[in-house]
């Protein structure tokens, strides 16, 4: 997780710099990618999805055995 935080922080800095120097679209893309690799992006979505699938698994087990 620490590696992703460092990489996303560097990407965010590069994105902000690109936002003001190169172009708004390029900077926005880099900022969006930095958010996705941050611990709040794809890892959080994956954790939420795993929790929901576990809940569904237990619900189906209760339905079958009950």
Protein backbone atom coordinates (compact mmCIF):
# COMPACT_ATOMS: atom_id res chain seq x y z
CA UNK A 1 0.00 0.00 0.00
CA UNK A 2 2.80 2.41 0.77
CA UNK A 3 4.20 1.99 -2.73
CA UNK A 4 0.85 2.92 -4.24
CA UNK A 5 0.62 5.99 -2.00
CA UNK A 6 4.04 7.19 -3.11
CA UNK A 7 3.37 6.55 -6.79
CA UNK A 8 -0.05 8.22 -6.68
CA UNK A 9 1.40 11.22 -4.83
CA UNK A 10 4.10 11.67 -7.45
CA UNK A 11 1.50 11.23 -10.19
CA UNK A 12 -0.73 13.84 -8.57
CA UNK A 13 2.11 16.34 -8.46
CA UNK A 14 2.95 15.68 -12.10
CA UNK A 15 -0.75 15.96 -12.97
CA UNK A 16 -1.10 19.34 -11.26
CA UNK A 17 2.02 20.64 -12.98
CA UNK A 18 0.76 19.37 -16.34
CA UNK A 19 -2.66 20.89 -15.65
CA UNK A 20 -1.16 24.37 -15.60
CA UNK A 21 1.66 23.99 -18.13
CA UNK A 22 0.87 21.44 -20.85
CA UNK A 23 -2.89 21.26 -21.07
CA UNK A 24 -6.02 20.70 -19.06
CA UNK A 25 -6.90 17.35 -20.66
CA UNK A 26 -3.46 15.80 -20.16
CA UNK A 27 -3.27 16.96 -16.57
CA UNK A 28 -6.77 15.69 -15.85
CA UNK A 29 -5.92 12.26 -17.24
CA UNK A 30 -2.82 11.98 -15.07
CA UNK A 31 -4.80 13.11 -12.01
CA UNK A 32 -7.53 10.56 -12.71
CA UNK A 33 -4.98 7.75 -13.11
CA UNK A 34 -3.27 8.83 -9.90
CA UNK A 35 -6.58 8.64 -8.07
CA UNK A 36 -7.30 5.17 -9.46
CA UNK A 37 -3.99 3.73 -8.24
CA UNK A 38 -4.26 5.45 -4.88
CA UNK A 39 -5.60 3.47 -1.90
CA UNK A 40 -8.94 5.27 -2.39
CA UNK A 41 -9.35 4.12 -6.01
CA UNK A 42 -9.24 0.58 -7.38
CA UNK A 43 -8.06 -1.10 -4.12
CA UNK A 44 -11.05 0.36 -2.24
CA UNK A 45 -13.44 -0.72 -4.99
CA UNK A 46 -11.98 -4.23 -4.94
CA UNK A 47 -12.33 -4.44 -1.16
CA UNK A 48 -15.97 -3.31 -1.36
CA UNK A 49 -16.68 -5.88 -4.07
CA UNK A 50 -15.10 -8.70 -2.05
CA UNK A 51 -17.18 -7.75 0.99
CA UNK A 52 -20.37 -7.81 -1.10
CA UNK A 53 -19.49 -11.19 -2.60
CA UNK A 54 -18.82 -12.63 0.86
CA UNK A 55 -22.20 -11.35 2.01
CA UNK A 56 -23.87 -12.93 -1.00
CA UNK A 57 -22.04 -16.20 -0.31
CA UNK A 58 -23.30 -16.35 3.27
CA UNK A 59 -26.82 -15.40 2.19
CA UNK A 60 -26.89 -18.23 -0.33
CA UNK A 61 -25.54 -20.69 2.26
CA UNK A 62 -28.28 -19.67 4.70
CA UNK A 63 -30.92 -19.98 2.00
CA UNK A 64 -29.75 -23.46 0.96
CA UNK A 65 -29.36 -24.84 4.48
CA UNK A 66 -32.39 -23.05 5.91
